[in-house]
Amino acid sequence: MQHTPNLNLKKPDLTDNVLISDLNENMDVLDQAVGELQKTTESIGDLEKNFNEHLLAQMPHRFFDNGKWYRWGFRTENGEPQFIYEEVIE
């Protein structure tokens, strides 16, 4: 019997007898892995919304420098790309 490289799922060879317990064990491993992904992953709708908001924002990024927060982005002026930033005052 072989095993998958990432989740170590059981992969019976063509000449192996397939045991229901092996299939159930594989299903438990898959269920746990998918459950963990669901906890840490946004829904597709949320990802699309966040991505579209990011594209529309002129300065969607932030960085911290010398005790101050700044937001930054890119724009073009007269066809020339520009790096833009400003201090975030909250």
PDB file of N, CA and C in Angstrom:
ATOM      1  N   MET A   1       0.841  -1.174   0.000  1.00  0.00           N
ATOM      2  CA  MET A   1       0.000   0.000   0.000  1.00  0.00           C
ATOM      3  C   MET A   1       0.883   1.234   0.000  1.00  0.00           C
ATOM      4  N   GLN A   2       0.487   2.212  -0.814  1.00  0.00           N
ATOM      5  CA  GLN A   2       1.193   3.487  -0.856  1.00  0.00           C
ATOM      6  C   GLN A   2       0.412   4.516  -0.045  1.00  0.00           C
ATOM      7  N   HIS A   3       1.069   5.661   0.211  1.00  0.00           N
ATOM      8  CA  HIS A   3       0.431   6.749   0.950  1.00  0.00           C
ATOM      9  C   HIS A   3       0.678   8.064   0.201  1.00  0.00           C
ATOM     10  N   THR A   4      -0.282   8.982   0.314  1.00  0.00           N
ATOM     11  CA  THR A   4      -0.129  10.286  -0.336  1.00  0.00           C
ATOM     12  C   THR A   4       0.933  11.094   0.405  1.00  0.00           C
ATOM     13  N   PRO A   5       1.639  11.981  -0.314  1.00  0.00           N
ATOM     14  CA  PRO A   5       2.755  12.705   0.306  1.00  0.00           C
ATOM     15  C   PRO A   5       2.337  13.772   1.324  1.00  0.00           C
ATOM     16  N   ASN A   6       1.202  14.390   1.166  1.00  0.00           N
ATOM     17  CA  ASN A   6       0.842  15.501   2.048  1.00  0.00           C
ATOM     18  C   ASN A   6       0.024  15.086   3.260  1.00  0.00           C
ATOM     19  N   LEU A   7      -1.016  14.328   3.061  1.00  0.00           N
ATOM     20  CA  LEU A   7      -1.911  13.953   4.153  1.00  0.00           C
ATOM     21  C   LEU A   7      -1.733  12.513   4.607  1.00  0.00           C
ATOM     22  N   ASN A   8      -0.829  11.799   3.954  1.00  0.00           N
ATOM     23  CA  ASN A   8      -0.549  10.406   4.293  1.00  0.00           C
ATOM     24  C   ASN A   8      -1.801   9.524   4.191  1.00  0.00           C
ATOM     25  N   LEU A   9      -2.625   9.815   3.185  1.00  0.00           N
ATOM     26  CA  LEU A   9      -3.809   8.993   2.959  1.00  0.00           C
ATOM     27  C   LEU A   9      -3.392   7.640   2.406  1.00  0.00           C
ATOM     28  N   LYS A  10      -4.147   6.628   2.750  1.00  0.00           N
ATOM     29  CA  LYS A  10      -3.843   5.278   2.279  1.00  0.00           C
ATOM     30  C   LYS A  10      -4.303   5.123   0.832  1.00  0.00           C
ATOM     31  N   LYS A  11      -3.404   4.590  -0.009  1.00  0.00           N
ATOM     32  CA  LYS A  11      -3.698   4.349  -1.419  1.00  0.00           C
ATOM     33  C   LYS A  11      -3.446   2.869  -1.715  1.00  0.00           C
ATOM     34  N   PRO A  12      -4.492   2.068  -1.661  1.00  0.00           N
ATOM     35  CA  PRO A  12      -4.306   0.637  -1.923  1.00  0.00           C
ATOM     36  C   PRO A  12      -3.805   0.392  -3.347  1.00  0.00           C
ATOM     37  N   ASP A  13      -2.896  -0.551  -3.476  1.00  0.00           N
ATOM     38  CA  ASP A  13      -2.457  -0.977  -4.805  1.00  0.00           C
ATOM     39  C   ASP A  13      -3.559  -1.810  -5.443  1.00  0.00           C
ATOM     40  N   LEU A  14      -3.458  -2.042  -6.728  1.00  0.00           N
ATOM     41  CA  LEU A  14      -4.487  -2.793  -7.457  1.00  0.00           C
ATOM     42  C   LEU A  14      -4.665  -4.208  -6.911  1.00  0.00           C
ATOM     43  N   THR A  15      -3.622  -4.739  -6.313  1.00  0.00           N
ATOM     44  CA  THR A  15      -3.712  -6.111  -5.792  1.00  0.00           C
ATOM     45  C   THR A  15      -4.088  -6.156  -4.307  1.00  0.00           C
ATOM     46  N   ASP A  16      -4.216  -5.003  -3.654  1.00  0.00           N
ATOM     47  CA  ASP A  16      -4.574  -4.963  -2.229  1.00  0.00           C
ATOM     48  C   ASP A  16      -6.075  -5.122  -2.035  1.00  0.00           C
ATOM     49  N   ASN A  17      -6.438  -5.706  -0.902  1.00  0.00           N
ATOM     50  CA  ASN A  17      -7.846  -5.701  -0.500  1.00  0.00           C
ATOM     51  C   ASN A  17      -8.146  -4.323   0.086  1.00  0.00           C
ATOM     52  N   VAL A  18      -9.283  -3.778  -0.274  1.00  0.00           N
ATOM     53  CA  VAL A  18      -9.669  -2.464   0.234  1.00  0.00           C
ATOM     54  C   VAL A  18     -10.499  -2.665   1.489  1.00  0.00           C
ATOM     55  N   LEU A  19     -10.078  -2.026   2.560  1.00  0.00           N
ATOM     56  CA  LEU A  19     -10.791  -2.117   3.821  1.00  0.00           C
ATOM     57  C   LEU A  19     -11.619  -0.849   4.037  1.00  0.00           C
ATOM     58  N   ILE A  20     -12.855  -1.036   4.455  1.00  0.00           N
ATOM     59  CA  ILE A  20     -13.711   0.102   4.757  1.00  0.00           C
ATOM     60  C   ILE A  20     -13.074   0.966   5.836  1.00  0.00           C
ATOM     61  N   SER A  21     -12.400   0.363   6.790  1.00  0.00           N
ATOM     62  CA  SER A  21     -11.753   1.129   7.860  1.00  0.00           C
ATOM     63  C   SER A  21     -10.678   2.073   7.294  1.00  0.00           C
ATOM     64  N   ASP A  22      -9.956   1.630   6.235  1.00  0.00           N
ATOM     65  CA  ASP A  22      -8.967   2.503   5.593  1.00  0.00           C
ATOM     66  C   ASP A  22      -9.656   3.683   4.919  1.00  0.00           C
ATOM     67  N   LEU A  23     -10.762   3.421   4.234  1.00  0.00           N
ATOM     68  CA  LEU A  23     -11.510   4.507   3.591  1.00  0.00           C
ATOM     69  C   LEU A  23     -12.041   5.490   4.628  1.00  0.00           C
ATOM     70  N   ASN A  24     -12.576   4.965   5.719  1.00  0.00           N
ATOM     71  CA  ASN A  24     -13.090   5.835   6.774  1.00  0.00           C
ATOM     72  C   ASN A  24     -11.974   6.671   7.402  1.00  0.00           C
ATOM     73  N   GLU A  25     -10.821   6.063   7.585  1.00  0.00           N
ATOM     74  CA  GLU A  25      -9.681   6.788   8.138  1.00  0.00           C
ATOM     75  C   GLU A  25      -9.264   7.925   7.203  1.00  0.00           C
ATOM     76  N   ASN A  26      -9.228   7.629   5.894  1.00  0.00           N
ATOM     77  CA  ASN A  26      -8.918   8.668   4.910  1.00  0.00           C
ATOM     78  C   ASN A  26      -9.939   9.803   4.978  1.00  0.00           C
ATOM     79  N   MET A  27     -11.224   9.451   5.093  1.00  0.00           N
ATOM     80  CA  MET A  27     -12.277  10.467   5.154  1.00  0.00           C
ATOM     81  C   MET A  27     -12.122  11.345   6.386  1.00  0.00           C
ATOM     82  N   ASP A  28     -11.749  10.748   7.520  1.00  0.00           N
ATOM     83  CA  ASP A  28     -11.543  11.534   8.742  1.00  0.00           C
ATOM     84  C   ASP A  28     -10.394  12.529   8.569  1.00  0.00           C
ATOM     85  N   VAL A  29      -9.313  12.094   7.937  1.00  0.00           N
ATOM     86  CA  VAL A  29      -8.166  12.974   7.700  1.00  0.00           C
ATOM     87  C   VAL A  29      -8.574  14.119   6.773  1.00  0.00           C
ATOM     88  N   LEU A  30      -9.298  13.797   5.697  1.00  0.00           N
ATOM     89  CA  LEU A  30      -9.756  14.836   4.765  1.00  0.00           C
ATOM     90  C   LEU A  30     -10.716  15.808   5.438  1.00  0.00           C
ATOM     91  N   ASP A  31     -11.642  15.289   6.229  1.00  0.00           N
ATOM     92  CA  ASP A  31     -12.610  16.135   6.914  1.00  0.00           C
ATOM     93  C   ASP A  31     -11.908  17.103   7.857  1.00  0.00           C
ATOM     94  N   GLN A  32     -10.919  16.623   8.584  1.00  0.00           N
ATOM     95  CA  GLN A  32     -10.182  17.486   9.496  1.00  0.00           C
ATOM     96  C   GLN A  32      -9.424  18.567   8.728  1.00  0.00           C
ATOM     97  N   ALA A  33      -8.765  18.199   7.629  1.00  0.00           N
ATOM     98  CA  ALA A  33      -7.985  19.157   6.851  1.00  0.00           C
ATOM     99  C   ALA A  33      -8.888  20.229   6.241  1.00  0.00           C
ATOM    100  N   VAL A  34     -10.022  19.827   5.695  1.00  0.00           N
ATOM    101  CA  VAL A  34     -10.955  20.786   5.102  1.00  0.00           C
ATOM    102  C   VAL A  34     -11.552  21.679   6.187  1.00  0.00           C
ATOM    103  N   GLY A  35     -11.863  21.116   7.340  1.00  0.00           N
ATOM    104  CA  GLY A  35     -12.386  21.906   8.445  1.00  0.00           C
ATOM    105  C   GLY A  35     -11.416  22.989   8.887  1.00  0.00           C
ATOM    106  N   GLU A  36     -10.137  22.659   8.947  1.00  0.00           N
ATOM    107  CA  GLU A  36      -9.127  23.648   9.322  1.00  0.00           C
ATOM    108  C   GLU A  36      -9.022  24.744   8.274  1.00  0.00           C
ATOM    109  N   LEU A  37      -9.115  24.377   6.998  1.00  0.00           N
ATOM    110  CA  LEU A  37      -9.080  25.381   5.927  1.00  0.00           C
ATOM    111  C   LEU A  37     -10.284  26.314   6.012  1.00  0.00           C
ATOM    112  N   GLN A  38     -11.446  25.754   6.297  1.00  0.00           N
ATOM    113  CA  GLN A  38     -12.653  26.572   6.383  1.00  0.00           C
ATOM    114  C   GLN A  38     -12.567  27.585   7.508  1.00  0.00           C
ATOM    115  N   LYS A  39     -11.907  27.228   8.589  1.00  0.00           N
ATOM    116  CA  LYS A  39     -11.783  28.148   9.726  1.00  0.00           C
ATOM    117  C   LYS A  39     -10.896  29.342   9.397  1.00  0.00           C
ATOM    118  N   THR A  40      -9.920  29.138   8.525  1.00  0.00           N
ATOM    119  CA  THR A  40      -8.931  30.186   8.266  1.00  0.00           C
ATOM    120  C   THR A  40      -9.083  30.849   6.903  1.00  0.00           C
ATOM    121  N   THR A  41     -10.040  30.445   6.113  1.00  0.00           N
ATOM    122  CA  THR A  41     -10.190  30.979   4.769  1.00  0.00           C
ATOM    123  C   THR A  41     -11.482  31.764   4.650  1.00  0.00           C
ATOM    124  N   GLU A  42     -11.392  32.921   4.002  1.00  0.00           N
ATOM    125  CA  GLU A  42     -12.585  33.710   3.758  1.00  0.00           C
ATOM    126  C   GLU A  42     -13.412  33.055   2.648  1.00  0.00           C
ATOM    127  N   SER A  43     -14.691  33.370   2.629  1.00  0.00           N
ATOM    128  CA  SER A  43     -15.533  32.852   1.558  1.00  0.00           C
ATOM    129  C   SER A  43     -15.137  33.522   0.241  1.00  0.00           C
ATOM    130  N   ILE A  44     -15.482  32.899  -0.861  1.00  0.00           N
ATOM    131  CA  ILE A  44     -15.167  33.451  -2.181  1.00  0.00           C
ATOM    132  C   ILE A  44     -15.783  34.833  -2.330  1.00  0.00           C
ATOM    133  N   GLY A  45     -17.014  35.010  -1.854  1.00  0.00           N
ATOM    134  CA  GLY A  45     -17.666  36.314  -1.944  1.00  0.00           C
ATOM    135  C   GLY A  45     -16.903  37.382  -1.188  1.00  0.00           C
ATOM    136  N   ASP A  46     -16.417  37.044   0.020  1.00  0.00           N
ATOM    137  CA  ASP A  46     -15.635  38.001   0.802  1.00  0.00           C
ATOM    138  C   ASP A  46     -14.313  38.320   0.113  1.00  0.00           C
ATOM    139  N   LEU A  47     -13.677  37.308  -0.465  1.00  0.00           N
ATOM    140  CA  LEU A  47     -12.419  37.537  -1.174  1.00  0.00           C
ATOM    141  C   LEU A  47     -12.625  38.464  -2.367  1.00  0.00           C
ATOM    142  N   GLU A  48     -13.704  38.240  -3.130  1.00  0.00           N
ATOM    143  CA  GLU A  48     -13.993  39.096  -4.283  1.00  0.00           C
ATOM    144  C   GLU A  48     -14.252  40.528  -3.839  1.00  0.00           C
ATOM    145  N   LYS A  49     -15.030  40.696  -2.773  1.00  0.00           N
ATOM    146  CA  LYS A  49     -15.339  42.034  -2.255  1.00  0.00           C
ATOM    147  C   LYS A  49     -14.063  42.737  -1.814  1.00  0.00           C
ATOM    148  N   ASN A  50     -13.240  42.040  -1.033  1.00  0.00           N
ATOM    149  CA  ASN A  50     -11.988  42.629  -0.555  1.00  0.00           C
ATOM    150  C   ASN A  50     -11.050  42.968  -1.708  1.00  0.00           C
ATOM    151  N   PHE A  51     -11.000  42.113  -2.712  1.00  0.00           N
ATOM    152  CA  PHE A  51     -10.130  42.348  -3.863  1.00  0.00           C
ATOM    153  C   PHE A  51     -10.603  43.566  -4.643  1.00  0.00           C
ATOM    154  N   ASN A  52     -11.916  43.671  -4.864  1.00  0.00           N
ATOM    155  CA  ASN A  52     -12.453  44.817  -5.598  1.00  0.00           C
ATOM    156  C   ASN A  52     -12.232  46.118  -4.835  1.00  0.00           C
ATOM    157  N   GLU A  53     -12.419  46.090  -3.509  1.00  0.00           N
ATOM    158  CA  GLU A  53     -12.145  47.279  -2.694  1.00  0.00           C
ATOM    159  C   GLU A  53     -10.673  47.656  -2.784  1.00  0.00           C
ATOM    160  N   HIS A  54      -9.812  46.666  -2.780  1.00  0.00           N
ATOM    161  CA  HIS A  54      -8.370  46.897  -2.887  1.00  0.00           C
ATOM    162  C   HIS A  54      -8.035  47.575  -4.216  1.00  0.00           C
ATOM    163  N   LEU A  55      -8.641  47.088  -5.300  1.00  0.00           N
ATOM    164  CA  LEU A  55      -8.366  47.664  -6.613  1.00  0.00           C
ATOM    165  C   LEU A  55      -8.846  49.109  -6.717  1.00  0.00           C
ATOM    166  N   LEU A  56      -9.962  49.418  -6.074  1.00  0.00           N
ATOM    167  CA  LEU A  56     -10.527  50.759  -6.152  1.00  0.00           C
ATOM    168  C   LEU A  56      -9.808  51.765  -5.260  1.00  0.00           C
ATOM    169  N   ALA A  57      -9.176  51.293  -4.202  1.00  0.00           N
ATOM    170  CA  ALA A  57      -8.489  52.192  -3.274  1.00  0.00           C
ATOM    171  C   ALA A  57      -7.227  52.738  -3.915  1.00  0.00           C
ATOM    172  N   GLN A  58      -7.021  54.044  -3.781  1.00  0.00           N
ATOM    173  CA  GLN A  58      -5.830  54.648  -4.365  1.00  0.00           C
ATOM    174  C   GLN A  58      -4.575  54.260  -3.590  1.00  0.00           C
ATOM    175  N   MET A  59      -4.703  54.152  -2.268  1.00  0.00           N
ATOM    176  CA  MET A  59      -3.554  53.775  -1.435  1.00  0.00           C
ATOM    177  C   MET A  59      -3.979  52.672  -0.461  1.00  0.00           C
ATOM    178  N   PRO A  60      -4.078  51.424  -0.946  1.00  0.00           N
ATOM    179  CA  PRO A  60      -4.603  50.345  -0.109  1.00  0.00           C
ATOM    180  C   PRO A  60      -3.595  49.716   0.844  1.00  0.00           C
ATOM    181  N   HIS A  61      -2.323  50.040   0.711  1.00  0.00           N
ATOM    182  CA  HIS A  61      -1.289  49.387   1.521  1.00  0.00           C
ATOM    183  C   HIS A  61      -0.861  50.284   2.676  1.00  0.00           C
ATOM    184  N   ARG A  62      -0.282  49.655   3.715  1.00  0.00           N
ATOM    185  CA  ARG A  62       0.216  50.413   4.855  1.00  0.00           C
ATOM    186  C   ARG A  62       1.622  49.951   5.211  1.00  0.00           C
ATOM    187  N   PHE A  63       2.391  50.885   5.771  1.00  0.00           N
ATOM    188  CA  PHE A  63       3.687  50.517   6.332  1.00  0.00           C
ATOM    189  C   PHE A  63       3.971  51.392   7.541  1.00  0.00           C
ATOM    190  N   PHE A  64       4.841  50.908   8.400  1.00  0.00           N
ATOM    191  CA  PHE A  64       5.198  51.593   9.637  1.00  0.00           C
ATOM    192  C   PHE A  64       6.649  52.011   9.534  1.00  0.00           C
ATOM    193  N   ASP A  65       6.935  53.300   9.784  1.00  0.00           N
ATOM    194  CA  ASP A  65       8.302  53.779   9.673  1.00  0.00           C
ATOM    195  C   ASP A  65       8.534  54.889  10.700  1.00  0.00           C
ATOM    196  N   ASN A  66       9.578  54.725  11.477  1.00  0.00           N
ATOM    197  CA  ASN A  66       9.996  55.758  12.409  1.00  0.00           C
ATOM    198  C   ASN A  66       8.864  56.203  13.344  1.00  0.00           C
ATOM    199  N   GLY A  67       8.078  55.230  13.822  1.00  0.00           N
ATOM    200  CA  GLY A  67       7.021  55.522  14.774  1.00  0.00           C
ATOM    201  C   GLY A  67       5.726  56.043  14.165  1.00  0.00           C
ATOM    202  N   LYS A  68       5.622  56.038  12.844  1.00  0.00           N
ATOM    203  CA  LYS A  68       4.418  56.549  12.178  1.00  0.00           C
ATOM    204  C   LYS A  68       3.901  55.535  11.167  1.00  0.00           C
ATOM    205  N   TRP A  69       2.591  55.517  10.995  1.00  0.00           N
ATOM    206  CA  TRP A  69       1.955  54.680   9.973  1.00  0.00           C
ATOM    207  C   TRP A  69       1.724  55.513   8.717  1.00  0.00           C
ATOM    208  N   TYR A  70       1.937  54.870   7.580  1.00  0.00           N
ATOM    209  CA  TYR A  70       1.696  55.505   6.279  1.00  0.00           C
ATOM    210  C   TYR A  70       0.850  54.568   5.433  1.00  0.00           C
ATOM    211  N   ARG A  71       0.086  55.127   4.541  1.00  0.00           N
ATOM    212  CA  ARG A  71      -0.586  54.312   3.526  1.00  0.00           C
ATOM    213  C   ARG A  71       0.061  54.663   2.199  1.00  0.00           C
ATOM    214  N   TRP A  72       0.067  53.691   1.302  1.00  0.00           N
ATOM    215  CA  TRP A  72       0.743  53.905   0.031  1.00  0.00           C
ATOM    216  C   TRP A  72       0.053  53.163  -1.102  1.00  0.00           C
ATOM    217  N   GLY A  73       0.411  53.552  -2.320  1.00  0.00           N
ATOM    218  CA  GLY A  73      -0.129  52.922  -3.508  1.00  0.00           C
ATOM    219  C   GLY A  73       0.598  53.431  -4.743  1.00  0.00           C
ATOM    220  N   PHE A  74       0.019  53.146  -5.874  1.00  0.00           N
ATOM    221  CA  PHE A  74       0.578  53.585  -7.154  1.00  0.00           C
ATOM    222  C   PHE A  74      -0.498  54.288  -7.953  1.00  0.00           C
ATOM    223  N   ARG A  75      -0.088  55.187  -8.797  1.00  0.00           N
ATOM    224  CA  ARG A  75      -0.995  55.834  -9.747  1.00  0.00           C
ATOM    225  C   ARG A  75      -0.173  56.194 -10.972  1.00  0.00           C
ATOM    226  N   THR A  76      -0.855  56.602 -11.996  1.00  0.00           N
ATOM    227  CA  THR A  76      -0.164  57.104 -13.180  1.00  0.00           C
ATOM    228  C   THR A  76      -0.585  58.544 -13.407  1.00  0.00           C
ATOM    229  N   GLU A  77       0.362  59.349 -13.789  1.00  0.00           N
ATOM    230  CA  GLU A  77       0.090  60.736 -14.135  1.00  0.00           C
ATOM    231  C   GLU A  77       0.809  61.024 -15.442  1.00  0.00           C
ATOM    232  N   ASN A  78       0.035  61.445 -16.446  1.00  0.00           N
ATOM    233  CA  ASN A  78       0.581  61.657 -17.788  1.00  0.00           C
ATOM    234  C   ASN A  78       1.288  60.407 -18.308  1.00  0.00           C
ATOM    235  N   GLY A  79       0.728  59.243 -17.973  1.00  0.00           N
ATOM    236  CA  GLY A  79       1.284  57.985 -18.441  1.00  0.00           C
ATOM    237  C   GLY A  79       2.489  57.493 -17.671  1.00  0.00           C
ATOM    238  N   GLU A  80       2.917  58.231 -16.666  1.00  0.00           N
ATOM    239  CA  GLU A  80       4.084  57.847 -15.877  1.00  0.00           C
ATOM    240  C   GLU A  80       3.636  57.254 -14.544  1.00  0.00           C
ATOM    241  N   PRO A  81       4.150  56.086 -14.161  1.00  0.00           N
ATOM    242  CA  PRO A  81       3.781  55.503 -12.854  1.00  0.00           C
ATOM    243  C   PRO A  81       4.406  56.301 -11.715  1.00  0.00           C
ATOM    244  N   GLN A  82       3.665  56.420 -10.633  1.00  0.00           N
ATOM    245  CA  GLN A  82       4.148  57.130  -9.463  1.00  0.00           C
ATOM    246  C   GLN A  82       3.864  56.317  -8.208  1.00  0.00           C
ATOM    247  N   PHE A  83       4.798  56.336  -7.281  1.00  0.00           N
ATOM    248  CA  PHE A  83       4.625  55.783  -5.956  1.00  0.00           C
ATOM    249  C   PHE A  83       4.080  56.913  -5.093  1.00  0.00           C
ATOM    250  N   ILE A  84       2.965  56.702  -4.416  1.00  0.00           N
ATOM    251  CA  ILE A  84       2.383  57.746  -3.587  1.00  0.00           C
ATOM    252  C   ILE A  84       2.190  57.228  -2.172  1.00  0.00           C
ATOM    253  N   TYR A  85       2.319  58.129  -1.200  1.00  0.00           N
ATOM    254  CA  TYR A  85       2.094  57.735   0.194  1.00  0.00           C
ATOM    255  C   TYR A  85       1.731  58.971   0.989  1.00  0.00           C
ATOM    256  N   GLU A  86       1.129  58.734   2.158  1.00  0.00           N
ATOM    257  CA  GLU A  86       0.817  59.810   3.091  1.00  0.00           C
ATOM    258  C   GLU A  86       0.745  59.229   4.488  1.00  0.00           C
ATOM    259  N   GLU A  87       1.019  60.065   5.460  1.00  0.00           N
ATOM    260  CA  GLU A  87       0.936  59.640   6.845  1.00  0.00           C
ATOM    261  C   GLU A  87      -0.533  59.407   7.220  1.00  0.00           C
ATOM    262  N   VAL A  88      -0.751  58.356   7.980  1.00  0.00           N
ATOM    263  CA  VAL A  88      -2.099  58.051   8.461  1.00  0.00           C
ATOM    264  C   VAL A  88      -2.267  58.732   9.809  1.00  0.00           C
ATOM    265  N   ILE A  89      -3.207  59.638   9.879  1.00  0.00           N
ATOM    266  CA  ILE A  89      -3.485  60.338  11.139  1.00  0.00           C
ATOM    267  C   ILE A  89      -4.845  59.863  11.619  1.00  0.00           C
ATOM    268  N   GLU A  90      -4.839  59.202  12.760  1.00  0.00           N
ATOM    269  CA  GLU A  90      -6.095  58.638  13.267  1.00  0.00           C
ATOM    270  C   GLU A  90      -6.540  59.333  14.517  1.00  0.00           C
TER     271      GLU A  90
END
